[in-house]
Amino acid sequence: MSVNSLDIVMKSPSNEKEKTTYSCKGFVIGGDCSKNPKKECIKDLGTCLKSNSGSNGRPIVRATTPAPRKDFKFDKMIVNMGADGTRDDVHMKICSQDGSNCCDSGELSYLLSREWVENKQETWSAGDVGKCKKQIFKVIYTKLL
């Protein structure tokens, strides 16, 4: 499975209009997953950058004290598939920035249609991610200068 880009939109639980988008680089998941533990292929997306970041795609931050944490909820995920799709089950594990709070989306699948199709855009809303829909995630909130 190849993904050209993945954007995750998070929203404030106290203000539905306050949203932040995190953009993740493209990636490939391949090989024979049946030989892996739990027969899973796993890809850590690392740190995705806020879309409104500074020069060169890097946040510009000036801090003298630890950055505060802010609460966010999952709003949607937009995946631009690459040349290789998959018919395998796909789950997403969503975690707070410090890893202390995680949840599994369950299988990301649509009834009566195919998903994870090559060269197609997939949009997954909060209603598609099971119990992660209501989960609150702590994210380090940095003020851009």
C-alpha atoms as a PDB file:
ATOM      1  CA  MET A   1       0.000   0.000   0.000  1.00  0.00           C
ATOM      2  CA  SER A   2       1.379   3.416  -0.904  1.00  0.00           C
ATOM      3  CA  VAL A   3       0.138   6.743   0.385  1.00  0.00           C
ATOM      4  CA  ASN A   4       1.144  10.028  -1.248  1.00  0.00           C
ATOM      5  CA  SER A   5      -0.097  12.202   1.629  1.00  0.00           C
ATOM      6  CA  LEU A   6      -2.195  12.000   4.755  1.00  0.00           C
ATOM      7  CA  ASP A   7      -3.823  14.954   6.522  1.00  0.00           C
ATOM      8  CA  ILE A   8      -5.354  14.636   9.962  1.00  0.00           C
ATOM      9  CA  VAL A   9      -7.775  17.358  11.023  1.00  0.00           C
ATOM     10  CA  MET A  10      -8.272  17.794  14.755  1.00  0.00           C
ATOM     11  CA  LYS A  11     -10.815  20.055  16.442  1.00  0.00           C
ATOM     12  CA  SER A  12     -11.188  21.630  19.828  1.00  0.00           C
ATOM     13  CA  PRO A  13     -13.765  19.842  22.012  1.00  0.00           C
ATOM     14  CA  SER A  14     -14.962  23.205  23.330  1.00  0.00           C
ATOM     15  CA  ASN A  15     -15.118  25.002  19.970  1.00  0.00           C
ATOM     16  CA  GLU A  16     -16.060  22.876  16.937  1.00  0.00           C
ATOM     17  CA  LYS A  17     -14.888  25.646  14.551  1.00  0.00           C
ATOM     18  CA  GLU A  18     -11.340  25.679  15.955  1.00  0.00           C
ATOM     19  CA  LYS A  19      -9.469  23.141  13.820  1.00  0.00           C
ATOM     20  CA  THR A  20      -5.841  22.261  13.223  1.00  0.00           C
ATOM     21  CA  THR A  21      -4.546  20.163  10.328  1.00  0.00           C
ATOM     22  CA  TYR A  22      -1.460  17.968  10.611  1.00  0.00           C
ATOM     23  CA  SER A  23       0.109  16.891   7.319  1.00  0.00           C
ATOM     24  CA  CYS A  24       2.072  13.650   7.147  1.00  0.00           C
ATOM     25  CA  LYS A  25       4.601  12.710   4.492  1.00  0.00           C
ATOM     26  CA  GLY A  26       3.853   9.941   2.029  1.00  0.00           C
ATOM     27  CA  PHE A  27       4.817   6.386   2.927  1.00  0.00           C
ATOM     28  CA  VAL A  28       4.727   2.777   1.743  1.00  0.00           C
ATOM     29  CA  ILE A  29       3.691  -0.305   3.681  1.00  0.00           C
ATOM     30  CA  GLY A  30       4.776  -3.463   1.935  1.00  0.00           C
ATOM     31  CA  GLY A  31       6.028  -6.973   2.246  1.00  0.00           C
ATOM     32  CA  ASP A  32       4.459 -10.136   3.594  1.00  0.00           C
ATOM     33  CA  CYS A  33       2.653  -9.051   6.760  1.00  0.00           C
ATOM     34  CA  SER A  34       1.760 -12.663   7.638  1.00  0.00           C
ATOM     35  CA  LYS A  35       5.361 -13.135   8.850  1.00  0.00           C
ATOM     36  CA  ASN A  36       5.162 -10.217  11.312  1.00  0.00           C
ATOM     37  CA  PRO A  37       3.973 -10.341  14.953  1.00  0.00           C
ATOM     38  CA  LYS A  38       0.141 -10.482  14.968  1.00  0.00           C
ATOM     39  CA  LYS A  39       0.428 -10.699  11.147  1.00  0.00           C
ATOM     40  CA  GLU A  40       0.395  -6.893  10.996  1.00  0.00           C
ATOM     41  CA  CYS A  41       2.361  -4.365   8.983  1.00  0.00           C
ATOM     42  CA  ILE A  42       2.838  -1.225  11.037  1.00  0.00           C
ATOM     43  CA  LYS A  43       4.010   2.217   9.937  1.00  0.00           C
ATOM     44  CA  ASP A  44       4.812   4.902  12.493  1.00  0.00           C
ATOM     45  CA  LEU A  45       4.002   8.243  10.872  1.00  0.00           C
ATOM     46  CA  GLY A  46       6.329  10.061  13.240  1.00  0.00           C
ATOM     47  CA  THR A  47       5.600  13.702  13.797  1.00  0.00           C
ATOM     48  CA  CYS A  48       3.311  15.296  11.266  1.00  0.00           C
ATOM     49  CA  LEU A  49       3.673  19.020  10.747  1.00  0.00           C
ATOM     50  CA  LYS A  50       0.937  21.562  11.309  1.00  0.00           C
ATOM     51  CA  SER A  51      -0.198  22.903   7.948  1.00  0.00           C
ATOM     52  CA  ASN A  52       0.259  26.479   9.060  1.00  0.00           C
ATOM     53  CA  SER A  53       3.936  25.949   9.879  1.00  0.00           C
ATOM     54  CA  GLY A  54       6.752  28.373   9.214  1.00  0.00           C
ATOM     55  CA  SER A  55       9.493  28.405   6.615  1.00  0.00           C
ATOM     56  CA  ASN A  56      10.661  25.118   5.085  1.00  0.00           C
ATOM     57  CA  GLY A  57       7.632  23.375   6.574  1.00  0.00           C
ATOM     58  CA  ARG A  58       9.068  23.599  10.083  1.00  0.00           C
ATOM     59  CA  PRO A  59       7.259  25.289  12.952  1.00  0.00           C
ATOM     60  CA  ILE A  60       8.920  28.450  14.185  1.00  0.00           C
ATOM     61  CA  VAL A  61       8.766  28.363  17.957  1.00  0.00           C
ATOM     62  CA  ARG A  62      10.348  30.512  20.648  1.00  0.00           C
ATOM     63  CA  ALA A  63       9.870  29.057  24.094  1.00  0.00           C
ATOM     64  CA  THR A  64      11.473  29.592  27.454  1.00  0.00           C
ATOM     65  CA  THR A  65       9.023  27.428  29.375  1.00  0.00           C
ATOM     66  CA  PRO A  66       7.492  24.077  28.441  1.00  0.00           C
ATOM     67  CA  ALA A  67       4.789  24.439  25.821  1.00  0.00           C
ATOM     68  CA  PRO A  68       1.253  23.999  27.160  1.00  0.00           C
ATOM     69  CA  ARG A  69      -0.855  21.021  26.133  1.00  0.00           C
ATOM     70  CA  LYS A  70      -4.142  21.490  24.368  1.00  0.00           C
ATOM     71  CA  ASP A  71      -7.115  19.149  24.031  1.00  0.00           C
ATOM     72  CA  PHE A  72      -8.144  17.989  20.557  1.00  0.00           C
ATOM     73  CA  LYS A  73     -10.601  15.493  19.113  1.00  0.00           C
ATOM     74  CA  PHE A  74     -10.373  13.692  15.789  1.00  0.00           C
ATOM     75  CA  ASP A  75     -12.398  15.438  13.058  1.00  0.00           C
ATOM     76  CA  LYS A  76     -11.352  13.737   9.819  1.00  0.00           C
ATOM     77  CA  MET A  77      -8.493  12.167   7.901  1.00  0.00           C
ATOM     78  CA  ILE A  78      -7.836  12.707   4.209  1.00  0.00           C
ATOM     79  CA  VAL A  79      -5.632  10.093   2.546  1.00  0.00           C
ATOM     80  CA  ASN A  80      -4.310  10.487  -0.992  1.00  0.00           C
ATOM     81  CA  MET A  81      -3.477   6.965  -2.085  1.00  0.00           C
ATOM     82  CA  GLY A  82      -0.488   6.229  -4.287  1.00  0.00           C
ATOM     83  CA  ALA A  83      -0.105   3.721  -7.119  1.00  0.00           C
ATOM     84  CA  ASP A  84      -0.591   0.689  -4.830  1.00  0.00           C
ATOM     85  CA  GLY A  85      -3.840   0.149  -2.942  1.00  0.00           C
ATOM     86  CA  THR A  86      -4.731  -2.736  -0.658  1.00  0.00           C
ATOM     87  CA  ARG A  87      -7.609  -5.083   0.001  1.00  0.00           C
ATOM     88  CA  ASP A  88      -6.274  -5.868   3.488  1.00  0.00           C
ATOM     89  CA  ASP A  89      -7.908  -4.605   6.673  1.00  0.00           C
ATOM     90  CA  VAL A  90      -6.581  -1.191   7.683  1.00  0.00           C
ATOM     91  CA  HIS A  91      -6.751   0.195  11.242  1.00  0.00           C
ATOM     92  CA  MET A  92      -5.428   3.457  12.608  1.00  0.00           C
ATOM     93  CA  LYS A  93      -4.011   3.921  16.090  1.00  0.00           C
ATOM     94  CA  ILE A  94      -4.382   7.524  17.259  1.00  0.00           C
ATOM     95  CA  CYS A  95      -2.300   8.702  20.212  1.00  0.00           C
ATOM     96  CA  SER A  96      -1.762  11.874  22.210  1.00  0.00           C
ATOM     97  CA  GLN A  97       1.595  13.492  21.552  1.00  0.00           C
ATOM     98  CA  ASP A  98       3.239  11.986  24.630  1.00  0.00           C
ATOM     99  CA  GLY A  99       1.814   8.510  23.879  1.00  0.00           C
ATOM    100  CA  SER A 100      -0.086   8.324  27.177  1.00  0.00           C
ATOM    101  CA  ASN A 101      -3.518   8.173  25.538  1.00  0.00           C
ATOM    102  CA  CYS A 102      -4.221   5.959  22.490  1.00  0.00           C
ATOM    103  CA  CYS A 103      -7.157   4.309  20.774  1.00  0.00           C
ATOM    104  CA  ASP A 104      -7.678   1.989  17.794  1.00  0.00           C
ATOM    105  CA  SER A 105     -10.092   3.092  15.076  1.00  0.00           C
ATOM    106  CA  GLY A 106     -11.184  -0.441  14.318  1.00  0.00           C
ATOM    107  CA  GLU A 107     -11.279  -1.515  10.682  1.00  0.00           C
ATOM    108  CA  LEU A 108     -11.570   1.476   8.354  1.00  0.00           C
ATOM    109  CA  SER A 109     -14.052   0.137   5.841  1.00  0.00           C
ATOM    110  CA  TYR A 110     -17.164   1.278   3.992  1.00  0.00           C
ATOM    111  CA  LEU A 111     -20.201  -0.952   3.573  1.00  0.00           C
ATOM    112  CA  LEU A 112     -20.737  -2.081  -0.031  1.00  0.00           C
ATOM    113  CA  SER A 113     -17.795  -0.203  -1.522  1.00  0.00           C
ATOM    114  CA  ARG A 114     -14.063  -0.678  -1.858  1.00  0.00           C
ATOM    115  CA  GLU A 115     -11.629   1.499   0.074  1.00  0.00           C
ATOM    116  CA  TRP A 116      -7.843   2.000  -0.015  1.00  0.00           C
ATOM    117  CA  VAL A 117      -8.002   2.087  -3.815  1.00  0.00           C
ATOM    118  CA  GLU A 118      -4.895   3.095  -5.757  1.00  0.00           C
ATOM    119  CA  ASN A 119      -4.726   6.719  -6.945  1.00  0.00           C
ATOM    120  CA  LYS A 120      -7.901   7.648  -5.069  1.00  0.00           C
ATOM    121  CA  GLN A 121      -8.604  10.108  -2.252  1.00  0.00           C
ATOM    122  CA  GLU A 122     -10.133   8.571   0.881  1.00  0.00           C
ATOM    123  CA  THR A 123     -11.847  10.753   3.494  1.00  0.00           C
ATOM    124  CA  TRP A 124     -12.570   9.266   6.910  1.00  0.00           C
ATOM    125  CA  SER A 125     -14.758  11.278   9.286  1.00  0.00           C
ATOM    126  CA  ALA A 126     -14.996  11.066  13.066  1.00  0.00           C
ATOM    127  CA  GLY A 127     -17.951   8.690  12.709  1.00  0.00           C
ATOM    128  CA  ASP A 128     -15.703   6.194  10.890  1.00  0.00           C
ATOM    129  CA  VAL A 129     -13.135   5.809  13.684  1.00  0.00           C
ATOM    130  CA  GLY A 130     -15.244   4.054  16.324  1.00  0.00           C
ATOM    131  CA  LYS A 131     -14.484   4.911  19.941  1.00  0.00           C
ATOM    132  CA  CYS A 132     -11.763   7.346  18.817  1.00  0.00           C
ATOM    133  CA  LYS A 133     -14.568   9.712  17.800  1.00  0.00           C
ATOM    134  CA  LYS A 134     -15.058  10.962  21.368  1.00  0.00           C
ATOM    135  CA  GLN A 135     -11.494  10.480  22.620  1.00  0.00           C
ATOM    136  CA  ILE A 136      -9.642  13.607  23.802  1.00  0.00           C
ATOM    137  CA  PHE A 137      -5.968  13.829  22.861  1.00  0.00           C
ATOM    138  CA  LYS A 138      -3.385  16.083  24.511  1.00  0.00           C
ATOM    139  CA  VAL A 139      -1.194  17.843  21.961  1.00  0.00           C
ATOM    140  CA  ILE A 140       1.649  20.221  22.687  1.00  0.00           C
ATOM    141  CA  TYR A 141       0.371  23.585  21.595  1.00  0.00           C
ATOM    142  CA  THR A 142       3.034  25.833  20.149  1.00  0.00           C
ATOM    143  CA  LYS A 143       2.517  29.437  19.220  1.00  0.00           C
ATOM    144  CA  LEU A 144       3.882  30.239  15.789  1.00  0.00           C
ATOM    145  CA  LEU A 145       5.804  33.498  15.445  1.00  0.00           C
END
